Amino acid sequence: MAHPSDIAQPVLLSHASFADADEQAAALRGWNQSYLQLSRGAFGGEVRQLEFAGLRLFVESLRESVYQTGQIREGALALGLPLQVAGPSVFCGAPSDADALHVFSGASGFEFRSSRRHVMLGLELDEAAWRRCGEHDPALQARLGAQAGLRRLDGAAQAGLRQCLSGLLDTVEAAPALLQSPAVQAAMLDTVMEQLGRVLAPAGSVDSVGPHGHWMLTQRARELVHAQLDQPPTVLALCEQLGVSRRTLQNGFQTALG
């Protein structure tokens, strides 16, 4: 039987321009969006999207101010990082700016009044992919997924996530054939999860594994890697097999190896 990582998942890559607000609102499937144009002038916008393995990346551009409402599908995580904000904007009742992490997912839906010139970089993880992101504690996962709103998190980590997601989308658009490789898909997903984990990890968080546990963990990790030398597991896959977060695995090797 083939291992899941041996099979390339279907890939959707698209780039569309819109002259109608309703058509652009429908471009993000599963978001149940409605757009109402607020500023005068002809509507214009575009959406670039990449989907694979439970992950969706997109960049949405708007050239008029729009009042947006939506409801993300249950169990998914949807985040946004503004790339450009020209003028005032409000997200879920709070002033929005380029330095805030926008959480779109949540049981009550979201509302967003965008600036007249607005570019948003978005990341969506379906329920299974979101569950695999084990860098943060369950309590933080519950808080992020429970209510849409703005989050003020570590600036350097946010910048790293923004660069990672933008670079991945640009790379695949330039060379779509890359994602025909299961190994490349796994590596890209692993990279996204790593950057997302850095953003979501609670400040000062530590794992509860003691020195002896770290040694046993690294031994088990080595055994798993040696057993799969023909196709070594990614860090994400290794964490899943060991049942630990990336942070715990990293701390284990740092402690065991000095």
C-alpha atoms as a PDB file:
ATOM      1  CA  MET A   1       0.000   0.000   0.000  1.00  0.00           C
ATOM      2  CA  ALA A   2       1.331   3.435  -0.896  1.00  0.00           C
ATOM      3  CA  HIS A   3       2.153   5.826   1.924  1.00  0.00           C
ATOM      4  CA  PRO A   4       0.167   9.115   1.682  1.00  0.00           C
ATOM      5  CA  SER A   5       3.396  11.013   1.086  1.00  0.00           C
ATOM      6  CA  ASP A   6       4.028   8.822  -1.976  1.00  0.00           C
ATOM      7  CA  ILE A   7       0.986  10.261  -3.743  1.00  0.00           C
ATOM      8  CA  ALA A   8       0.814  13.821  -5.048  1.00  0.00           C
ATOM      9  CA  GLN A   9      -2.404  15.522  -3.958  1.00  0.00           C
ATOM     10  CA  PRO A  10      -4.523  17.375  -6.554  1.00  0.00           C
ATOM     11  CA  VAL A  11      -3.424  20.965  -7.117  1.00  0.00           C
ATOM     12  CA  LEU A  12      -5.556  23.976  -7.998  1.00  0.00           C
ATOM     13  CA  LEU A  13      -3.740  27.068  -9.261  1.00  0.00           C
ATOM     14  CA  SER A  14      -5.722  30.038 -10.553  1.00  0.00           C
ATOM     15  CA  HIS A  15      -5.441  33.762 -11.222  1.00  0.00           C
ATOM     16  CA  ALA A  16      -8.605  35.708 -12.042  1.00  0.00           C
ATOM     17  CA  SER A  17      -9.549  39.369 -12.443  1.00  0.00           C
ATOM     18  CA  PHE A  18     -12.996  40.689 -11.590  1.00  0.00           C
ATOM     19  CA  ALA A  19     -15.122  43.688 -12.559  1.00  0.00           C
ATOM     20  CA  ASP A  20     -18.039  42.604 -10.352  1.00  0.00           C
ATOM     21  CA  ALA A  21     -17.957  42.548  -6.545  1.00  0.00           C
ATOM     22  CA  ASP A  22     -20.322  39.575  -6.223  1.00  0.00           C
ATOM     23  CA  GLU A  23     -18.211  37.472  -8.574  1.00  0.00           C
ATOM     24  CA  GLN A  24     -15.064  38.217  -6.585  1.00  0.00           C
ATOM     25  CA  ALA A  25     -16.852  37.421  -3.322  1.00  0.00           C
ATOM     26  CA  ALA A  26     -17.630  33.948  -4.676  1.00  0.00           C
ATOM     27  CA  ALA A  27     -14.025  33.293  -5.735  1.00  0.00           C
ATOM     28  CA  LEU A  28     -13.033  31.886  -2.330  1.00  0.00           C
ATOM     29  CA  ARG A  29     -15.092  28.710  -2.158  1.00  0.00           C
ATOM     30  CA  GLY A  30     -16.323  27.793   1.295  1.00  0.00           C
ATOM     31  CA  TRP A  31     -16.111  31.341   2.660  1.00  0.00           C
ATOM     32  CA  ASN A  32     -19.815  32.171   2.057  1.00  0.00           C
ATOM     33  CA  GLN A  33     -18.949  35.796   1.364  1.00  0.00           C
ATOM     34  CA  SER A  34     -21.001  38.833   0.445  1.00  0.00           C
ATOM     35  CA  TYR A  35     -19.407  42.070  -0.837  1.00  0.00           C
ATOM     36  CA  LEU A  36     -20.960  45.541  -0.822  1.00  0.00           C
ATOM     37  CA  GLN A  37     -18.961  48.254  -2.587  1.00  0.00           C
ATOM     38  CA  LEU A  38     -18.729  51.403  -0.447  1.00  0.00           C
ATOM     39  CA  SER A  39     -16.610  53.790  -2.531  1.00  0.00           C
ATOM     40  CA  ARG A  40     -17.570  55.291  -5.857  1.00  0.00           C
ATOM     41  CA  GLY A  41     -16.019  54.113  -9.075  1.00  0.00           C
ATOM     42  CA  ALA A  42     -15.821  51.012 -11.220  1.00  0.00           C
ATOM     43  CA  PHE A  43     -15.087  47.908  -9.177  1.00  0.00           C
ATOM     44  CA  GLY A  44     -11.828  46.117  -9.871  1.00  0.00           C
ATOM     45  CA  GLY A  45     -10.035  43.286  -8.161  1.00  0.00           C
ATOM     46  CA  GLU A  46      -8.211  40.009  -8.567  1.00  0.00           C
ATOM     47  CA  VAL A  47      -7.607  36.767  -6.705  1.00  0.00           C
ATOM     48  CA  ARG A  48      -4.599  34.459  -7.017  1.00  0.00           C
ATOM     49  CA  GLN A  49      -5.084  31.044  -5.448  1.00  0.00           C
ATOM     50  CA  LEU A  50      -3.125  27.864  -4.783  1.00  0.00           C
ATOM     51  CA  GLU A  51      -4.681  24.772  -3.181  1.00  0.00           C
ATOM     52  CA  PHE A  52      -3.143  21.405  -2.300  1.00  0.00           C
ATOM     53  CA  ALA A  53      -3.118  18.902   0.575  1.00  0.00           C
ATOM     54  CA  GLY A  54      -5.716  20.743   2.645  1.00  0.00           C
ATOM     55  CA  LEU A  55      -3.953  24.094   2.300  1.00  0.00           C
ATOM     56  CA  ARG A  56      -5.086  27.164   0.399  1.00  0.00           C
ATOM     57  CA  LEU A  57      -2.962  30.246  -0.241  1.00  0.00           C
ATOM     58  CA  PHE A  58      -4.377  33.332  -1.883  1.00  0.00           C
ATOM     59  CA  VAL A  59      -3.681  36.970  -2.565  1.00  0.00           C
ATOM     60  CA  GLU A  60      -6.765  39.146  -2.971  1.00  0.00           C
ATOM     61  CA  SER A  61      -6.535  42.674  -4.362  1.00  0.00           C
ATOM     62  CA  LEU A  62      -9.287  45.301  -4.160  1.00  0.00           C
ATOM     63  CA  ARG A  63      -9.271  48.686  -5.856  1.00  0.00           C
ATOM     64  CA  GLU A  64     -12.399  50.004  -4.118  1.00  0.00           C
ATOM     65  CA  SER A  65     -13.534  50.007  -0.498  1.00  0.00           C
ATOM     66  CA  VAL A  66     -15.776  47.007   0.172  1.00  0.00           C
ATOM     67  CA  TYR A  67     -17.857  45.838   3.134  1.00  0.00           C
ATOM     68  CA  GLN A  68     -17.314  42.094   3.390  1.00  0.00           C
ATOM     69  CA  THR A  69     -19.139  39.504   5.459  1.00  0.00           C
ATOM     70  CA  GLY A  70     -18.483  35.776   5.480  1.00  0.00           C
ATOM     71  CA  GLN A  71     -18.492  32.500   7.369  1.00  0.00           C
ATOM     72  CA  ILE A  72     -15.598  30.037   7.055  1.00  0.00           C
ATOM     73  CA  ARG A  73     -16.478  26.360   6.855  1.00  0.00           C
ATOM     74  CA  GLU A  74     -16.558  24.623  10.223  1.00  0.00           C
ATOM     75  CA  GLY A  75     -13.272  23.195  11.476  1.00  0.00           C
ATOM     76  CA  ALA A  76     -11.050  25.217   9.128  1.00  0.00           C
ATOM     77  CA  LEU A  77      -8.545  27.892  10.103  1.00  0.00           C
ATOM     78  CA  ALA A  78      -8.347  31.019   7.934  1.00  0.00           C
ATOM     79  CA  LEU A  79      -5.788  33.779   8.511  1.00  0.00           C
ATOM     80  CA  GLY A  80      -4.907  36.960   6.655  1.00  0.00           C
ATOM     81  CA  LEU A  81      -1.790  39.131   6.530  1.00  0.00           C
ATOM     82  CA  PRO A  82      -2.257  42.505   4.797  1.00  0.00           C
ATOM     83  CA  LEU A  83       0.312  43.265   2.126  1.00  0.00           C
ATOM     84  CA  GLN A  84      -1.051  46.734   1.379  1.00  0.00           C
ATOM     85  CA  VAL A  85      -3.490  48.988   3.245  1.00  0.00           C
ATOM     86  CA  ALA A  86      -4.204  52.418   1.737  1.00  0.00           C
ATOM     87  CA  GLY A  87      -6.638  54.209   4.017  1.00  0.00           C
ATOM     88  CA  PRO A  88      -8.745  53.264   7.040  1.00  0.00           C
ATOM     89  CA  SER A  89     -10.122  49.752   7.391  1.00  0.00           C
ATOM     90  CA  VAL A  90     -12.060  47.949  10.126  1.00  0.00           C
ATOM     91  CA  PHE A  91     -12.050  44.212  10.868  1.00  0.00           C
ATOM     92  CA  CYS A  92     -14.675  42.761  13.214  1.00  0.00           C
ATOM     93  CA  GLY A  93     -15.195  46.164  14.843  1.00  0.00           C
ATOM     94  CA  ALA A  94     -11.517  47.020  15.386  1.00  0.00           C
ATOM     95  CA  PRO A  95      -9.229  49.314  13.354  1.00  0.00           C
ATOM     96  CA  SER A  96      -7.140  47.173  11.026  1.00  0.00           C
ATOM     97  CA  ASP A  97      -3.573  47.727   9.896  1.00  0.00           C
ATOM     98  CA  ALA A  98      -0.793  45.898   8.094  1.00  0.00           C
ATOM     99  CA  ASP A  99       0.800  44.666  11.337  1.00  0.00           C
ATOM    100  CA  ALA A 100      -2.201  42.690  12.617  1.00  0.00           C
ATOM    101  CA  LEU A 101      -2.895  39.025  12.001  1.00  0.00           C
ATOM    102  CA  HIS A 102      -6.497  38.743  10.755  1.00  0.00           C
ATOM    103  CA  VAL A 103      -8.339  35.614  11.915  1.00  0.00           C
ATOM    104  CA  PHE A 104     -11.298  35.037   9.574  1.00  0.00           C
ATOM    105  CA  SER A 105     -12.456  31.706  11.007  1.00  0.00           C
ATOM    106  CA  GLY A 106     -14.884  31.487  13.908  1.00  0.00           C
ATOM    107  CA  ALA A 107     -18.393  30.382  14.721  1.00  0.00           C
ATOM    108  CA  SER A 108     -19.885  33.890  14.383  1.00  0.00           C
ATOM    109  CA  GLY A 109     -18.376  34.694  10.979  1.00  0.00           C
ATOM    110  CA  PHE A 110     -16.487  37.886  10.143  1.00  0.00           C
ATOM    111  CA  GLU A 111     -17.071  41.381   8.808  1.00  0.00           C
ATOM    112  CA  PHE A 112     -14.465  43.567   7.176  1.00  0.00           C
ATOM    113  CA  ARG A 113     -14.532  47.086   5.741  1.00  0.00           C
ATOM    114  CA  SER A 114     -11.476  47.236   3.538  1.00  0.00           C
ATOM    115  CA  SER A 115      -9.530  50.307   2.525  1.00  0.00           C
ATOM    116  CA  ARG A 116      -9.929  51.620  -1.002  1.00  0.00           C
ATOM    117  CA  ARG A 117      -6.690  49.967  -2.093  1.00  0.00           C
ATOM    118  CA  HIS A 118      -6.228  46.721  -0.218  1.00  0.00           C
ATOM    119  CA  VAL A 119      -4.128  43.591  -0.790  1.00  0.00           C
ATOM    120  CA  MET A 120      -4.526  40.609   1.556  1.00  0.00           C
ATOM    121  CA  LEU A 121      -2.361  37.486   1.732  1.00  0.00           C
ATOM    122  CA  GLY A 122      -4.469  34.613   3.030  1.00  0.00           C
ATOM    123  CA  LEU A 123      -3.872  31.138   4.411  1.00  0.00           C
ATOM    124  CA  GLU A 124      -6.602  28.557   4.936  1.00  0.00           C
ATOM    125  CA  LEU A 125      -6.127  25.093   6.428  1.00  0.00           C
ATOM    126  CA  ASP A 126      -8.896  22.527   6.325  1.00  0.00           C
ATOM    127  CA  GLU A 127      -9.786  20.681   9.516  1.00  0.00           C
ATOM    128  CA  ALA A 128      -7.324  17.820   8.959  1.00  0.00           C
ATOM    129  CA  ALA A 129      -4.384  20.088   8.059  1.00  0.00           C
ATOM    130  CA  TRP A 130      -5.144  22.423  10.961  1.00  0.00           C
ATOM    131  CA  ARG A 131      -5.162  19.484  13.347  1.00  0.00           C
ATOM    132  CA  ARG A 132      -1.693  18.479  12.121  1.00  0.00           C
ATOM    133  CA  CYS A 133      -0.213  21.840  13.072  1.00  0.00           C
ATOM    134  CA  GLY A 134       1.132  20.866  16.489  1.00  0.00           C
ATOM    135  CA  GLU A 135       3.444  23.797  17.275  1.00  0.00           C
ATOM    136  CA  HIS A 136       1.040  25.496  19.673  1.00  0.00           C
ATOM    137  CA  ASP A 137      -1.016  24.304  22.603  1.00  0.00           C
ATOM    138  CA  PRO A 138      -4.656  23.142  22.195  1.00  0.00           C
ATOM    139  CA  ALA A 139      -5.938  26.124  24.171  1.00  0.00           C
ATOM    140  CA  LEU A 140      -4.439  28.586  21.688  1.00  0.00           C
ATOM    141  CA  GLN A 141      -5.803  26.544  18.792  1.00  0.00           C
ATOM    142  CA  ALA A 142      -9.266  26.737  20.331  1.00  0.00           C
ATOM    143  CA  ARG A 143      -8.987  30.501  20.864  1.00  0.00           C
ATOM    144  CA  LEU A 144      -7.855  31.166  17.311  1.00  0.00           C
ATOM    145  CA  GLY A 145     -10.576  29.040  15.792  1.00  0.00           C
ATOM    146  CA  ALA A 146     -13.383  30.162  18.104  1.00  0.00           C
ATOM    147  CA  GLN A 147     -13.788  33.809  17.146  1.00  0.00           C
ATOM    148  CA  ALA A 148     -12.812  35.985  14.188  1.00  0.00           C
ATOM    149  CA  GLY A 149     -10.802  39.094  14.994  1.00  0.00           C
ATOM    150  CA  LEU A 150      -7.380  40.723  15.050  1.00  0.00           C
ATOM    151  CA  ARG A 151      -4.403  39.197  16.847  1.00  0.00           C
ATOM    152  CA  ARG A 152      -1.231  41.052  17.839  1.00  0.00           C
ATOM    153  CA  LEU A 153       1.541  38.487  17.709  1.00  0.00           C
ATOM    154  CA  ASP A 154       5.320  38.438  17.329  1.00  0.00           C
ATOM    155  CA  GLY A 155       6.267  40.802  14.515  1.00  0.00           C
ATOM    156  CA  ALA A 156       9.340  38.896  13.334  1.00  0.00           C
ATOM    157  CA  ALA A 157       7.401  35.635  13.185  1.00  0.00           C
ATOM    158  CA  GLN A 158       4.600  37.298  11.243  1.00  0.00           C
ATOM    159  CA  ALA A 159       7.130  38.710   8.782  1.00  0.00           C
ATOM    160  CA  GLY A 160       8.613  35.234   8.349  1.00  0.00           C
ATOM    161  CA  LEU A 161       5.185  33.743   7.681  1.00  0.00           C
ATOM    162  CA  ARG A 162       4.354  36.513   5.210  1.00  0.00           C
ATOM    163  CA  GLN A 163       7.614  35.960   3.325  1.00  0.00           C
ATOM    164  CA  CYS A 164       7.151  32.179   3.355  1.00  0.00           C
ATOM    165  CA  LEU A 165       3.596  32.247   1.986  1.00  0.00           C
ATOM    166  CA  SER A 166       4.287  34.898  -0.649  1.00  0.00           C
ATOM    167  CA  GLY A 167       7.409  33.085  -1.789  1.00  0.00           C
ATOM    168  CA  LEU A 168       5.638  29.746  -2.034  1.00  0.00           C
ATOM    169  CA  LEU A 169       2.823  31.179  -4.155  1.00  0.00           C
ATOM    170  CA  ASP A 170       5.269  33.034  -6.421  1.00  0.00           C
ATOM    171  CA  THR A 171       7.404  29.901  -6.827  1.00  0.00           C
ATOM    172  CA  VAL A 172       4.508  27.650  -7.814  1.00  0.00           C
ATOM    173  CA  GLU A 173       3.081  30.237 -10.202  1.00  0.00           C
ATOM    174  CA  ALA A 174       6.483  30.420 -11.917  1.00  0.00           C
ATOM    175  CA  ALA A 175       6.933  26.615 -12.020  1.00  0.00           C
ATOM    176  CA  PRO A 176       3.582  24.795 -11.527  1.00  0.00           C
ATOM    177  CA  ALA A 177       5.130  21.406 -12.345  1.00  0.00           C
ATOM    178  CA  LEU A 178       6.965  21.468  -9.012  1.00  0.00           C
ATOM    179  CA  LEU A 179       3.849  20.311  -7.174  1.00  0.00           C
ATOM    180  CA  GLN A 180       3.589  17.171  -9.291  1.00  0.00           C
ATOM    181  CA  SER A 181       6.175  15.744  -6.881  1.00  0.00           C
ATOM    182  CA  PRO A 182       4.778  14.313  -3.617  1.00  0.00           C
ATOM    183  CA  ALA A 183       8.084  15.120  -1.906  1.00  0.00           C
ATOM    184  CA  VAL A 184       7.886  18.782  -2.927  1.00  0.00           C
ATOM    185  CA  GLN A 185       4.284  19.002  -1.737  1.00  0.00           C
ATOM    186  CA  ALA A 186       5.267  17.514   1.620  1.00  0.00           C
ATOM    187  CA  ALA A 187       8.264  19.840   1.969  1.00  0.00           C
ATOM    188  CA  MET A 188       6.215  22.937   1.131  1.00  0.00           C
ATOM    189  CA  LEU A 189       3.456  21.977   3.557  1.00  0.00           C
ATOM    190  CA  ASP A 190       6.075  21.290   6.220  1.00  0.00           C
ATOM    191  CA  THR A 191       7.616  24.731   5.685  1.00  0.00           C
ATOM    192  CA  VAL A 192       4.245  26.454   6.012  1.00  0.00           C
ATOM    193  CA  MET A 193       3.476  24.538   9.204  1.00  0.00           C
ATOM    194  CA  GLU A 194       6.864  25.510  10.646  1.00  0.00           C
ATOM    195  CA  GLN A 195       6.325  29.209   9.993  1.00  0.00           C
ATOM    196  CA  LEU A 196       2.745  29.057  11.247  1.00  0.00           C
ATOM    197  CA  GLY A 197       3.933  27.321  14.396  1.00  0.00           C
ATOM    198  CA  ARG A 198       6.383  30.149  15.084  1.00  0.00           C
ATOM    199  CA  VAL A 199       3.555  32.668  14.847  1.00  0.00           C
ATOM    200  CA  LEU A 200       1.138  30.707  17.017  1.00  0.00           C
ATOM    201  CA  ALA A 201       3.540  29.393  19.673  1.00  0.00           C
ATOM    202  CA  PRO A 202       2.766  30.962  23.062  1.00  0.00           C
ATOM    203  CA  ALA A 203       5.492  33.287  24.333  1.00  0.00           C
ATOM    204  CA  GLY A 204       7.934  31.493  26.589  1.00  0.00           C
ATOM    205  CA  SER A 205       6.310  28.130  25.958  1.00  0.00           C
ATOM    206  CA  VAL A 206       8.295  25.065  26.951  1.00  0.00           C
ATOM    207  CA  ASP A 207       7.702  21.375  26.558  1.00  0.00           C
ATOM    208  CA  SER A 208       7.263  19.064  29.526  1.00  0.00           C
ATOM    209  CA  VAL A 209       9.638  16.311  28.395  1.00  0.00           C
ATOM    210  CA  GLY A 210      12.541  15.756  30.793  1.00  0.00           C
ATOM    211  CA  PRO A 211      16.175  14.989  29.851  1.00  0.00           C
ATOM    212  CA  HIS A 212      15.639  11.216  29.789  1.00  0.00           C
ATOM    213  CA  GLY A 213      12.497  11.699  27.726  1.00  0.00           C
ATOM    214  CA  HIS A 214      14.452  13.843  25.275  1.00  0.00           C
ATOM    215  CA  TRP A 215      17.030  11.089  24.854  1.00  0.00           C
ATOM    216  CA  MET A 216      14.344   8.454  24.244  1.00  0.00           C
ATOM    217  CA  LEU A 217      12.576  10.775  21.809  1.00  0.00           C
ATOM    218  CA  THR A 218      15.704  11.341  19.721  1.00  0.00           C
ATOM    219  CA  GLN A 219      16.442   7.615  19.678  1.00  0.00           C
ATOM    220  CA  ARG A 220      12.945   6.874  18.402  1.00  0.00           C
ATOM    221  CA  ALA A 221      13.255   9.621  15.790  1.00  0.00           C
ATOM    222  CA  ARG A 222      16.522   8.149  14.522  1.00  0.00           C
ATOM    223  CA  GLU A 223      14.939   4.700  14.299  1.00  0.00           C
ATOM    224  CA  LEU A 224      12.063   6.060  12.222  1.00  0.00           C
ATOM    225  CA  VAL A 225      14.408   7.902   9.856  1.00  0.00           C
ATOM    226  CA  HIS A 226      16.657   4.851   9.384  1.00  0.00           C
ATOM    227  CA  ALA A 227      13.600   2.692   8.694  1.00  0.00           C
ATOM    228  CA  GLN A 228      12.587   5.022   5.850  1.00  0.00           C
ATOM    229  CA  LEU A 229      15.916   5.863   4.242  1.00  0.00           C
ATOM    230  CA  ASP A 230      14.494   5.326   0.756  1.00  0.00           C
ATOM    231  CA  GLN A 231      12.136   8.256   1.403  1.00  0.00           C
ATOM    232  CA  PRO A 232      13.014  10.009   4.679  1.00  0.00           C
ATOM    233  CA  PRO A 233      10.019  11.554   6.460  1.00  0.00           C
ATOM    234  CA  THR A 234       9.630  15.311   6.639  1.00  0.00           C
ATOM    235  CA  VAL A 235       9.841  16.957  10.038  1.00  0.00           C
ATOM    236  CA  LEU A 236       6.056  17.309  10.068  1.00  0.00           C
ATOM    237  CA  ALA A 237       5.584  13.610   9.279  1.00  0.00           C
ATOM    238  CA  LEU A 238       8.136  12.685  11.939  1.00  0.00           C
ATOM    239  CA  CYS A 239       6.287  14.752  14.542  1.00  0.00           C
ATOM    240  CA  GLU A 240       3.024  13.048  13.584  1.00  0.00           C
ATOM    241  CA  GLN A 241       4.554   9.576  13.927  1.00  0.00           C
ATOM    242  CA  LEU A 242       6.090  10.461  17.297  1.00  0.00           C
ATOM    243  CA  GLY A 243       3.018  12.276  18.558  1.00  0.00           C
ATOM    244  CA  VAL A 244       4.935  15.426  19.523  1.00  0.00           C
ATOM    245  CA  SER A 245       5.174  19.025  18.362  1.00  0.00           C
ATOM    246  CA  ARG A 246       8.056  20.341  16.288  1.00  0.00           C
ATOM    247  CA  ARG A 247       9.171  22.425  19.267  1.00  0.00           C
ATOM    248  CA  THR A 248       9.370  19.337  21.485  1.00  0.00           C
ATOM    249  CA  LEU A 249      11.318  17.420  18.848  1.00  0.00           C
ATOM    250  CA  GLN A 250      13.735  20.303  18.336  1.00  0.00           C
ATOM    251  CA  ASN A 251      14.249  20.696  22.080  1.00  0.00           C
ATOM    252  CA  GLY A 252      14.854  16.964  22.352  1.00  0.00           C
ATOM    253  CA  PHE A 253      17.702  17.006  19.840  1.00  0.00           C
ATOM    254  CA  GLN A 254      19.198  20.164  21.329  1.00  0.00           C
ATOM    255  CA  THR A 255      19.192  18.613  24.809  1.00  0.00           C
ATOM    256  CA  ALA A 256      20.399  15.177  23.736  1.00  0.00           C
ATOM    257  CA  LEU A 257      23.149  16.442  21.438  1.00  0.00           C
ATOM    258  CA  GLY A 258      24.175  19.451  23.489  1.00  0.00           C
END
